[in-house]
């Protein structure tokens, strides 16, 4: 039995869950999320909890058990609390600012990078070098943060570039002087 899959999911007040034709819809104060559920698992929905059980002991069913429970839990957490990923920009002249629905990044290239902010995602910039990517869909928040990081990933010599706030950069030694 999956240790994660057998845990029940608490449904907070203000969250509505609807399961029709193998599509689960979770609606809460922050937004509405939908996801197709695999046919190898069954959902038992009560008023305050949701439990995920698998139909058989096949390898694919066992693999999908914990995954499905985690995805549903992330949906419930997202529509109630939301998710946030913090990014830091390091480098002389590197900065970011939000103009309307675009994030404008100056990352040492000859031109600024205009990144269109996806629907359902909010980006907050503080001190021009710290970004906060917020949203109710964990997958979209992570994908947006990874896309922003990919414009100029951190380099190992001086650490210049865009990095996650909790990321540590392994530094390399530079060239040694002539002897």
N, C-alpha and C. Protein backbone atom coordinates (compact mmCIF):
# COMPACT_ATOMS: atom_id res chain seq x y z
N UNK A 1 0.84 -1.18 0.00
CA UNK A 1 0.00 0.00 0.00
C UNK A 1 0.89 1.23 0.00
N UNK A 2 0.57 2.18 -0.82
CA UNK A 2 1.33 3.42 -0.91
C UNK A 2 1.15 4.23 0.36
N UNK A 3 2.25 4.65 0.96
CA UNK A 3 2.16 5.44 2.19
C UNK A 3 1.53 6.80 1.93
N UNK A 4 1.85 7.38 0.79
CA UNK A 4 1.26 8.68 0.46
C UNK A 4 -0.16 8.50 -0.04
N UNK A 5 -0.39 7.49 -0.86
CA UNK A 5 -1.70 7.30 -1.47
C UNK A 5 -2.81 6.99 -0.49
N UNK A 6 -2.47 6.34 0.63
CA UNK A 6 -3.53 5.96 1.57
C UNK A 6 -3.95 7.09 2.51
N UNK A 7 -3.21 8.20 2.52
CA UNK A 7 -3.56 9.33 3.38
C UNK A 7 -4.79 10.03 2.83
N UNK A 8 -5.76 10.34 3.67
CA UNK A 8 -6.94 11.08 3.18
C UNK A 8 -6.60 12.56 2.97
N UNK A 9 -7.32 13.19 2.06
CA UNK A 9 -7.15 14.61 1.77
C UNK A 9 -8.27 15.36 2.47
N UNK A 10 -7.90 16.30 3.33
CA UNK A 10 -8.89 17.11 4.03
C UNK A 10 -9.43 18.17 3.07
N UNK A 11 -10.74 18.31 3.00
CA UNK A 11 -11.36 19.30 2.14
C UNK A 11 -11.76 20.49 3.01
N UNK A 12 -11.09 21.64 2.86
CA UNK A 12 -11.43 22.80 3.68
C UNK A 12 -12.78 23.40 3.30
N UNK A 13 -13.30 24.24 4.17
CA UNK A 13 -14.57 24.91 3.88
C UNK A 13 -14.36 25.89 2.73
N UNK A 14 -15.34 26.01 1.87
CA UNK A 14 -15.25 26.89 0.72
C UNK A 14 -14.71 26.23 -0.52
N UNK A 15 -14.35 24.94 -0.44
CA UNK A 15 -13.83 24.21 -1.60
C UNK A 15 -14.90 23.24 -2.07
N UNK A 16 -15.21 23.31 -3.36
CA UNK A 16 -16.19 22.40 -3.95
C UNK A 16 -15.47 21.44 -4.88
N UNK A 17 -15.76 20.14 -4.71
CA UNK A 17 -15.14 19.10 -5.53
C UNK A 17 -16.23 18.41 -6.32
N UNK A 18 -16.00 18.28 -7.64
CA UNK A 18 -16.96 17.63 -8.52
C UNK A 18 -16.21 16.61 -9.36
N UNK A 19 -16.71 15.37 -9.42
CA UNK A 19 -16.06 14.29 -10.17
C UNK A 19 -17.07 13.69 -11.14
N UNK A 20 -16.92 14.03 -12.43
CA UNK A 20 -17.84 13.56 -13.46
C UNK A 20 -17.03 13.07 -14.66
N UNK A 21 -17.33 11.88 -15.15
CA UNK A 21 -16.70 11.30 -16.33
C UNK A 21 -15.17 11.31 -16.24
N UNK A 22 -14.66 10.85 -15.14
CA UNK A 22 -13.22 10.75 -14.85
C UNK A 22 -12.50 12.10 -14.93
N UNK A 23 -13.21 13.20 -14.75
CA UNK A 23 -12.60 14.53 -14.67
C UNK A 23 -12.94 15.12 -13.32
N UNK A 24 -11.89 15.44 -12.55
CA UNK A 24 -12.06 16.03 -11.22
C UNK A 24 -11.93 17.54 -11.34
N UNK A 25 -12.89 18.26 -10.79
CA UNK A 25 -12.87 19.72 -10.78
C UNK A 25 -12.87 20.18 -9.34
N UNK A 26 -11.89 21.02 -9.00
CA UNK A 26 -11.77 21.57 -7.66
C UNK A 26 -11.92 23.08 -7.79
N UNK A 27 -12.88 23.65 -7.04
CA UNK A 27 -13.13 25.08 -7.10
C UNK A 27 -13.04 25.66 -5.70
N UNK A 28 -12.29 26.76 -5.58
CA UNK A 28 -12.12 27.39 -4.28
C UNK A 28 -12.03 28.89 -4.42
N UNK A 29 -11.62 29.57 -3.34
CA UNK A 29 -11.57 31.03 -3.37
C UNK A 29 -10.56 31.60 -4.37
N UNK A 30 -9.46 30.88 -4.65
CA UNK A 30 -8.43 31.40 -5.56
C UNK A 30 -8.70 31.10 -7.03
N UNK A 31 -9.46 30.06 -7.33
CA UNK A 31 -9.69 29.72 -8.72
C UNK A 31 -10.31 28.33 -8.87
N UNK A 32 -10.23 27.83 -10.11
CA UNK A 32 -10.84 26.55 -10.44
C UNK A 32 -9.84 25.73 -11.25
N UNK A 33 -9.62 24.47 -10.84
CA UNK A 33 -8.69 23.58 -11.52
C UNK A 33 -9.40 22.29 -11.91
N UNK A 34 -9.03 21.74 -13.06
CA UNK A 34 -9.59 20.47 -13.52
C UNK A 34 -8.46 19.55 -13.94
N UNK A 35 -8.67 18.25 -13.76
CA UNK A 35 -7.66 17.26 -14.14
C UNK A 35 -8.36 15.94 -14.44
N UNK A 36 -7.90 15.26 -15.48
CA UNK A 36 -8.41 13.93 -15.80
C UNK A 36 -7.77 12.92 -14.84
N UNK A 37 -8.59 12.05 -14.29
CA UNK A 37 -8.12 11.05 -13.33
C UNK A 37 -7.99 9.71 -14.05
N UNK A 38 -6.89 8.99 -13.79
CA UNK A 38 -6.65 7.70 -14.43
C UNK A 38 -7.71 6.68 -14.00
N UNK A 39 -8.11 5.79 -14.91
CA UNK A 39 -9.16 4.83 -14.57
C UNK A 39 -8.72 3.73 -13.61
N UNK A 40 -7.42 3.63 -13.32
CA UNK A 40 -6.93 2.57 -12.44
C UNK A 40 -7.10 2.92 -10.96
N UNK A 41 -7.56 4.14 -10.64
CA UNK A 41 -7.81 4.53 -9.24
C UNK A 41 -9.26 4.97 -9.09
N UNK A 42 -9.75 4.88 -7.85
CA UNK A 42 -11.12 5.27 -7.53
C UNK A 42 -11.08 6.34 -6.46
N UNK A 43 -11.96 7.32 -6.60
CA UNK A 43 -12.05 8.40 -5.61
C UNK A 43 -13.28 8.20 -4.75
N UNK A 44 -13.09 8.26 -3.42
CA UNK A 44 -14.19 8.19 -2.45
C UNK A 44 -14.32 9.57 -1.82
N UNK A 45 -15.37 10.30 -2.22
CA UNK A 45 -15.54 11.67 -1.78
C UNK A 45 -16.63 11.74 -0.73
N UNK A 46 -16.26 12.28 0.45
CA UNK A 46 -17.26 12.58 1.48
C UNK A 46 -17.29 14.10 1.66
N UNK A 47 -18.00 14.58 2.67
CA UNK A 47 -18.13 16.03 2.81
C UNK A 47 -16.85 16.71 3.28
N UNK A 48 -16.03 16.02 4.09
CA UNK A 48 -14.82 16.66 4.62
C UNK A 48 -13.53 16.01 4.15
N UNK A 49 -13.58 14.82 3.54
CA UNK A 49 -12.36 14.14 3.11
C UNK A 49 -12.54 13.55 1.72
N UNK A 50 -11.40 13.28 1.10
CA UNK A 50 -11.36 12.59 -0.18
C UNK A 50 -10.29 11.53 -0.06
N UNK A 51 -10.60 10.30 -0.43
CA UNK A 51 -9.64 9.21 -0.37
C UNK A 51 -9.45 8.62 -1.75
N UNK A 52 -8.20 8.25 -2.05
CA UNK A 52 -7.86 7.63 -3.32
C UNK A 52 -7.52 6.18 -3.06
N UNK A 53 -8.19 5.26 -3.77
CA UNK A 53 -7.90 3.84 -3.66
C UNK A 53 -7.64 3.29 -5.05
N UNK A 54 -6.80 2.27 -5.13
CA UNK A 54 -6.52 1.68 -6.43
C UNK A 54 -7.41 0.46 -6.65
N UNK A 55 -7.68 0.17 -7.91
CA UNK A 55 -8.61 -0.90 -8.25
C UNK A 55 -7.97 -2.28 -8.20
N UNK A 56 -6.69 -2.38 -8.50
CA UNK A 56 -6.01 -3.68 -8.49
C UNK A 56 -4.56 -3.47 -8.07
N UNK A 57 -3.79 -4.54 -8.09
CA UNK A 57 -2.39 -4.48 -7.65
C UNK A 57 -1.43 -4.45 -8.83
N UNK A 58 -1.88 -4.04 -9.99
CA UNK A 58 -0.99 -3.94 -11.15
C UNK A 58 0.06 -2.86 -10.90
N UNK A 59 1.19 -2.98 -11.57
CA UNK A 59 2.29 -2.03 -11.37
C UNK A 59 1.86 -0.61 -11.73
N UNK A 60 1.11 -0.46 -12.82
CA UNK A 60 0.68 0.88 -13.22
C UNK A 60 -0.30 1.48 -12.21
N UNK A 61 -1.14 0.64 -11.61
CA UNK A 61 -2.09 1.12 -10.60
C UNK A 61 -1.36 1.55 -9.34
N UNK A 62 -0.36 0.76 -8.96
CA UNK A 62 0.41 1.10 -7.76
C UNK A 62 1.18 2.40 -7.97
N UNK A 63 1.71 2.60 -9.19
CA UNK A 63 2.45 3.83 -9.48
C UNK A 63 1.53 5.05 -9.49
N UNK A 64 0.31 4.87 -9.98
CA UNK A 64 -0.62 5.99 -10.11
C UNK A 64 -1.29 6.36 -8.79
N UNK A 65 -1.25 5.47 -7.81
CA UNK A 65 -1.96 5.69 -6.56
C UNK A 65 -1.46 6.92 -5.81
N UNK A 66 -0.19 6.94 -5.48
CA UNK A 66 0.38 8.07 -4.74
C UNK A 66 0.44 9.34 -5.58
N UNK A 67 0.72 9.18 -6.87
CA UNK A 67 0.77 10.34 -7.76
C UNK A 67 -0.58 11.04 -7.84
N UNK A 68 -1.64 10.28 -8.00
CA UNK A 68 -2.98 10.87 -8.11
C UNK A 68 -3.34 11.60 -6.82
N UNK A 69 -3.04 11.00 -5.69
CA UNK A 69 -3.34 11.64 -4.40
C UNK A 69 -2.58 12.95 -4.26
N UNK A 70 -1.32 12.97 -4.64
CA UNK A 70 -0.51 14.18 -4.53
C UNK A 70 -1.01 15.26 -5.47
N UNK A 71 -1.37 14.89 -6.69
CA UNK A 71 -1.89 15.88 -7.64
C UNK A 71 -3.19 16.51 -7.14
N UNK A 72 -4.07 15.68 -6.57
CA UNK A 72 -5.34 16.20 -6.05
C UNK A 72 -5.08 17.09 -4.83
N UNK A 73 -4.16 16.69 -3.97
CA UNK A 73 -3.82 17.50 -2.80
C UNK A 73 -3.26 18.85 -3.23
N UNK A 74 -2.43 18.87 -4.28
CA UNK A 74 -1.89 20.13 -4.79
C UNK A 74 -3.00 21.01 -5.37
N UNK A 75 -4.01 20.40 -5.97
CA UNK A 75 -5.13 21.18 -6.49
C UNK A 75 -5.90 21.84 -5.34
N UNK A 76 -6.16 21.07 -4.27
CA UNK A 76 -6.90 21.60 -3.12
C UNK A 76 -6.09 22.71 -2.44
N UNK A 77 -4.78 22.49 -2.27
CA UNK A 77 -3.93 23.51 -1.65
C UNK A 77 -3.85 24.76 -2.52
N UNK A 78 -3.79 24.59 -3.81
CA UNK A 78 -3.68 25.71 -4.73
C UNK A 78 -4.89 26.62 -4.71
N UNK A 79 -6.10 26.03 -4.70
CA UNK A 79 -7.30 26.87 -4.73
C UNK A 79 -7.60 27.50 -3.38
N UNK A 80 -6.93 27.04 -2.30
CA UNK A 80 -7.14 27.66 -0.99
C UNK A 80 -5.99 28.62 -0.64
N UNK A 81 -4.74 28.16 -0.68
CA UNK A 81 -3.61 28.97 -0.26
C UNK A 81 -2.81 29.53 -1.44
N UNK A 82 -2.62 28.76 -2.49
CA UNK A 82 -1.80 29.16 -3.62
C UNK A 82 -0.36 28.73 -3.42
N UNK A 83 0.46 28.94 -4.45
CA UNK A 83 1.87 28.55 -4.42
C UNK A 83 2.73 29.73 -4.82
N UNK A 84 3.99 29.71 -4.37
CA UNK A 84 4.92 30.79 -4.67
C UNK A 84 6.31 30.22 -4.85
N UNK A 85 7.01 30.71 -5.87
CA UNK A 85 8.40 30.37 -6.11
C UNK A 85 9.18 31.67 -6.19
N UNK A 86 10.27 31.76 -5.43
CA UNK A 86 11.08 32.98 -5.40
C UNK A 86 12.31 32.81 -6.27
N UNK A 87 12.64 33.85 -7.03
CA UNK A 87 13.82 33.88 -7.89
C UNK A 87 14.69 35.07 -7.51
N UNK A 88 15.99 34.92 -7.70
CA UNK A 88 16.93 36.01 -7.46
C UNK A 88 17.73 36.26 -8.73
N UNK A 89 18.01 37.53 -9.00
CA UNK A 89 18.81 37.91 -10.16
C UNK A 89 20.13 38.47 -9.64
N UNK A 90 21.25 37.88 -10.06
CA UNK A 90 22.57 38.32 -9.65
C UNK A 90 23.35 38.78 -10.87
N UNK A 91 24.01 39.92 -10.77
CA UNK A 91 24.84 40.42 -11.87
C UNK A 91 24.71 41.92 -11.96
N UNK A 92 25.78 42.57 -12.41
CA UNK A 92 25.80 44.02 -12.54
C UNK A 92 24.90 44.42 -13.71
N UNK A 93 23.92 45.27 -13.44
CA UNK A 93 23.01 45.74 -14.47
C UNK A 93 21.87 44.79 -14.76
N UNK A 94 21.82 43.64 -14.09
CA UNK A 94 20.72 42.69 -14.31
C UNK A 94 19.54 43.14 -13.47
N UNK A 95 18.36 43.23 -14.08
CA UNK A 95 17.18 43.65 -13.33
C UNK A 95 15.91 43.18 -14.03
N UNK A 96 14.81 43.31 -13.32
CA UNK A 96 13.51 42.92 -13.85
C UNK A 96 12.47 43.94 -13.43
N UNK A 97 11.44 44.11 -14.26
CA UNK A 97 10.32 44.96 -13.91
C UNK A 97 9.09 44.47 -14.65
N UNK A 98 7.93 44.70 -14.04
CA UNK A 98 6.67 44.29 -14.64
C UNK A 98 6.03 45.52 -15.29
N UNK A 99 5.72 45.38 -16.57
CA UNK A 99 5.02 46.44 -17.31
C UNK A 99 3.75 45.85 -17.88
N UNK A 100 2.63 46.13 -17.23
CA UNK A 100 1.36 45.58 -17.69
C UNK A 100 1.32 44.07 -17.51
N UNK A 101 1.16 43.35 -18.60
CA UNK A 101 1.12 41.89 -18.55
C UNK A 101 2.43 41.27 -19.05
N UNK A 102 3.50 42.06 -19.01
CA UNK A 102 4.81 41.58 -19.45
C UNK A 102 5.84 41.76 -18.35
N UNK A 103 6.76 40.83 -18.29
CA UNK A 103 7.92 40.93 -17.42
C UNK A 103 9.09 41.31 -18.32
N UNK A 104 9.73 42.45 -18.03
CA UNK A 104 10.85 42.92 -18.84
C UNK A 104 12.13 42.62 -18.06
N UNK A 105 13.00 41.80 -18.65
CA UNK A 105 14.24 41.37 -18.01
C UNK A 105 15.44 41.95 -18.74
N UNK A 106 16.35 42.55 -18.00
CA UNK A 106 17.63 43.00 -18.54
C UNK A 106 18.68 42.06 -17.96
N UNK A 107 19.19 41.15 -18.79
CA UNK A 107 20.08 40.10 -18.29
C UNK A 107 21.43 40.08 -19.01
N UNK A 108 21.92 41.24 -19.42
CA UNK A 108 23.24 41.31 -20.01
C UNK A 108 23.26 41.07 -21.51
N UNK A 109 22.13 40.85 -22.13
CA UNK A 109 22.09 40.71 -23.58
C UNK A 109 22.01 42.10 -24.20
N UNK A 110 22.11 42.17 -25.52
CA UNK A 110 22.04 43.46 -26.21
C UNK A 110 20.62 44.02 -26.26
N UNK A 111 19.65 43.23 -25.85
CA UNK A 111 18.24 43.63 -25.90
C UNK A 111 17.54 43.16 -24.63
N UNK A 112 16.48 43.86 -24.21
CA UNK A 112 15.70 43.36 -23.07
C UNK A 112 14.83 42.18 -23.50
N UNK A 113 14.53 41.31 -22.56
CA UNK A 113 13.68 40.15 -22.83
C UNK A 113 12.29 40.47 -22.31
N UNK A 114 11.29 40.42 -23.19
CA UNK A 114 9.90 40.66 -22.83
C UNK A 114 9.21 39.30 -22.70
N UNK A 115 8.82 38.96 -21.47
CA UNK A 115 8.18 37.67 -21.18
C UNK A 115 6.72 37.93 -20.87
N UNK A 116 5.83 37.36 -21.67
CA UNK A 116 4.39 37.52 -21.47
C UNK A 116 3.97 36.64 -20.29
N UNK A 117 3.37 37.25 -19.27
CA UNK A 117 2.98 36.52 -18.05
C UNK A 117 1.74 35.69 -18.37
N UNK A 118 1.78 34.37 -18.10
CA UNK A 118 0.63 33.51 -18.41
C UNK A 118 -0.60 33.85 -17.56
N UNK A 119 -1.76 33.45 -18.04
CA UNK A 119 -3.02 33.66 -17.33
C UNK A 119 -3.00 32.84 -16.03
N UNK A 120 -3.41 33.43 -14.93
CA UNK A 120 -3.44 32.74 -13.65
C UNK A 120 -2.15 32.85 -12.86
N UNK A 121 -1.15 33.54 -13.40
CA UNK A 121 0.14 33.72 -12.73
C UNK A 121 0.33 35.20 -12.44
N UNK A 122 0.82 35.51 -11.24
CA UNK A 122 1.15 36.88 -10.86
C UNK A 122 2.64 36.93 -10.52
N UNK A 123 3.32 37.94 -11.01
CA UNK A 123 4.74 38.10 -10.74
C UNK A 123 4.94 39.42 -10.02
N UNK A 124 5.57 39.35 -8.84
CA UNK A 124 5.88 40.54 -8.06
C UNK A 124 7.38 40.75 -8.06
N UNK A 125 7.80 41.99 -8.29
CA UNK A 125 9.23 42.34 -8.31
C UNK A 125 9.50 43.26 -7.14
N UNK A 126 10.48 42.88 -6.32
CA UNK A 126 10.90 43.77 -5.23
C UNK A 126 12.40 44.02 -5.37
N UNK A 127 12.79 45.25 -5.29
CA UNK A 127 14.18 45.67 -5.40
C UNK A 127 14.81 45.32 -6.75
N UNK A 128 14.06 45.11 -7.78
CA UNK A 128 14.50 44.82 -9.15
C UNK A 128 15.34 43.56 -9.30
N UNK A 129 15.73 42.92 -8.21
CA UNK A 129 16.53 41.71 -8.32
C UNK A 129 15.89 40.50 -7.65
N UNK A 130 14.71 40.66 -7.10
CA UNK A 130 14.01 39.55 -6.47
C UNK A 130 12.63 39.44 -7.07
N UNK A 131 12.29 38.25 -7.53
CA UNK A 131 11.00 37.98 -8.15
C UNK A 131 10.23 36.98 -7.32
N UNK A 132 8.92 37.12 -7.30
CA UNK A 132 8.04 36.14 -6.68
C UNK A 132 7.00 35.74 -7.72
N UNK A 133 7.01 34.46 -8.10
CA UNK A 133 6.03 33.93 -9.06
C UNK A 133 4.94 33.27 -8.24
N UNK A 134 3.70 33.78 -8.36
CA UNK A 134 2.60 33.28 -7.55
C UNK A 134 1.47 32.80 -8.44
N UNK A 135 0.73 31.80 -7.92
CA UNK A 135 -0.42 31.30 -8.66
C UNK A 135 -1.09 30.18 -7.90
N UNK A 136 -2.22 29.70 -8.42
CA UNK A 136 -2.95 28.64 -7.75
C UNK A 136 -2.70 27.28 -8.38
N UNK A 137 -2.04 27.22 -9.53
CA UNK A 137 -1.69 25.96 -10.18
C UNK A 137 -0.20 25.71 -9.98
N UNK A 138 0.16 24.70 -9.19
CA UNK A 138 1.55 24.44 -8.86
C UNK A 138 2.39 24.15 -10.10
N UNK A 139 1.81 23.44 -11.04
CA UNK A 139 2.51 23.10 -12.26
C UNK A 139 2.85 24.36 -13.08
N UNK A 140 1.90 25.27 -13.19
CA UNK A 140 2.13 26.52 -13.94
C UNK A 140 3.14 27.42 -13.25
N UNK A 141 3.09 27.49 -11.92
CA UNK A 141 4.05 28.31 -11.17
C UNK A 141 5.46 27.79 -11.39
N UNK A 142 5.65 26.49 -11.28
CA UNK A 142 6.97 25.89 -11.49
C UNK A 142 7.46 26.05 -12.92
N UNK A 143 6.57 25.87 -13.89
CA UNK A 143 6.94 26.00 -15.30
C UNK A 143 7.32 27.44 -15.64
N UNK A 144 6.58 28.40 -15.11
CA UNK A 144 6.88 29.81 -15.36
C UNK A 144 8.21 30.20 -14.73
N UNK A 145 8.46 29.76 -13.51
CA UNK A 145 9.74 30.06 -12.85
C UNK A 145 10.90 29.43 -13.61
N UNK A 146 10.73 28.21 -14.10
CA UNK A 146 11.78 27.54 -14.86
C UNK A 146 12.04 28.25 -16.18
N UNK A 147 10.99 28.76 -16.81
CA UNK A 147 11.15 29.49 -18.07
C UNK A 147 11.92 30.78 -17.85
N UNK A 148 11.60 31.52 -16.78
CA UNK A 148 12.32 32.76 -16.47
C UNK A 148 13.78 32.45 -16.17
N UNK A 149 14.04 31.38 -15.43
CA UNK A 149 15.41 30.99 -15.10
C UNK A 149 16.19 30.60 -16.35
N UNK A 150 15.51 30.02 -17.34
CA UNK A 150 16.20 29.54 -18.54
C UNK A 150 16.72 30.67 -19.42
N UNK A 151 16.24 31.91 -19.24
CA UNK A 151 16.74 33.02 -20.05
C UNK A 151 18.21 33.30 -19.77
N UNK A 152 18.64 33.14 -18.53
CA UNK A 152 20.05 33.29 -18.17
C UNK A 152 20.28 32.52 -16.88
N UNK A 153 20.60 31.25 -17.01
CA UNK A 153 20.85 30.41 -15.84
C UNK A 153 22.11 30.87 -15.12
N UNK A 154 22.26 30.52 -13.86
CA UNK A 154 23.44 30.96 -13.12
C UNK A 154 24.71 30.28 -13.62
N UNK A 155 25.76 31.06 -13.79
CA UNK A 155 27.01 30.49 -14.25
C UNK A 155 27.91 30.18 -13.05
N UNK A 156 28.81 29.19 -13.17
CA UNK A 156 29.52 28.68 -12.00
C UNK A 156 30.71 29.53 -11.52
N UNK A 157 31.13 30.55 -12.27
CA UNK A 157 32.32 31.29 -11.87
C UNK A 157 32.00 32.47 -10.96
N UNK A 158 31.07 33.31 -11.36
CA UNK A 158 30.69 34.45 -10.52
C UNK A 158 29.27 34.33 -9.99
N UNK A 159 28.52 33.36 -10.48
CA UNK A 159 27.15 33.16 -10.01
C UNK A 159 26.16 34.11 -10.64
N UNK A 160 26.54 34.74 -11.77
CA UNK A 160 25.65 35.70 -12.43
C UNK A 160 24.52 34.95 -13.14
N UNK A 161 23.33 35.54 -13.10
CA UNK A 161 22.19 34.95 -13.78
C UNK A 161 20.98 34.89 -12.87
N UNK A 162 19.96 34.15 -13.30
CA UNK A 162 18.72 34.00 -12.55
C UNK A 162 18.76 32.65 -11.85
N UNK A 163 18.52 32.65 -10.55
CA UNK A 163 18.51 31.40 -9.79
C UNK A 163 17.33 31.37 -8.84
N UNK A 164 16.97 30.16 -8.41
CA UNK A 164 15.95 30.03 -7.39
C UNK A 164 16.51 30.56 -6.07
N UNK A 165 15.65 31.07 -5.20
CA UNK A 165 16.11 31.68 -3.96
C UNK A 165 16.79 30.67 -3.04
N UNK A 166 16.34 29.42 -3.06
CA UNK A 166 16.92 28.41 -2.17
C UNK A 166 17.99 27.57 -2.86
N UNK A 167 18.39 27.94 -4.07
CA UNK A 167 19.37 27.18 -4.84
C UNK A 167 20.79 27.61 -4.47
N UNK A 168 21.69 26.66 -4.34
CA UNK A 168 23.09 26.98 -4.11
C UNK A 168 23.86 26.66 -5.38
N UNK A 169 24.72 27.57 -5.77
CA UNK A 169 25.49 27.42 -6.98
C UNK A 169 26.87 26.87 -6.62
N UNK A 170 27.25 25.76 -7.22
CA UNK A 170 28.59 25.23 -7.01
C UNK A 170 29.56 26.08 -7.79
N UNK A 171 30.47 26.70 -7.09
CA UNK A 171 31.42 27.62 -7.72
C UNK A 171 32.66 26.88 -8.18
N UNK A 172 33.20 27.32 -9.33
CA UNK A 172 34.45 26.78 -9.85
C UNK A 172 35.54 27.81 -9.63
N UNK A 173 36.77 27.34 -9.52
CA UNK A 173 37.91 28.23 -9.41
C UNK A 173 38.21 28.79 -10.79
N UNK A 174 38.55 30.05 -10.87
CA UNK A 174 38.87 30.68 -12.15
C UNK A 174 40.28 30.32 -12.57
N UNK A 175 40.73 30.98 -13.62
CA UNK A 175 42.08 30.74 -14.11
C UNK A 175 43.09 31.22 -13.07
N UNK A 176 44.19 30.52 -12.96
CA UNK A 176 45.24 30.96 -12.04
C UNK A 176 46.18 31.89 -12.79
N UNK A 177 46.86 32.75 -12.04
CA UNK A 177 47.79 33.70 -12.67
C UNK A 177 49.02 33.02 -13.22
N UNK A 178 49.71 33.69 -14.13
CA UNK A 178 50.94 33.14 -14.72
C UNK A 178 52.05 33.14 -13.69
N UNK A 179 52.89 32.14 -13.76
CA UNK A 179 54.00 32.04 -12.81
C UNK A 179 55.32 32.23 -13.49
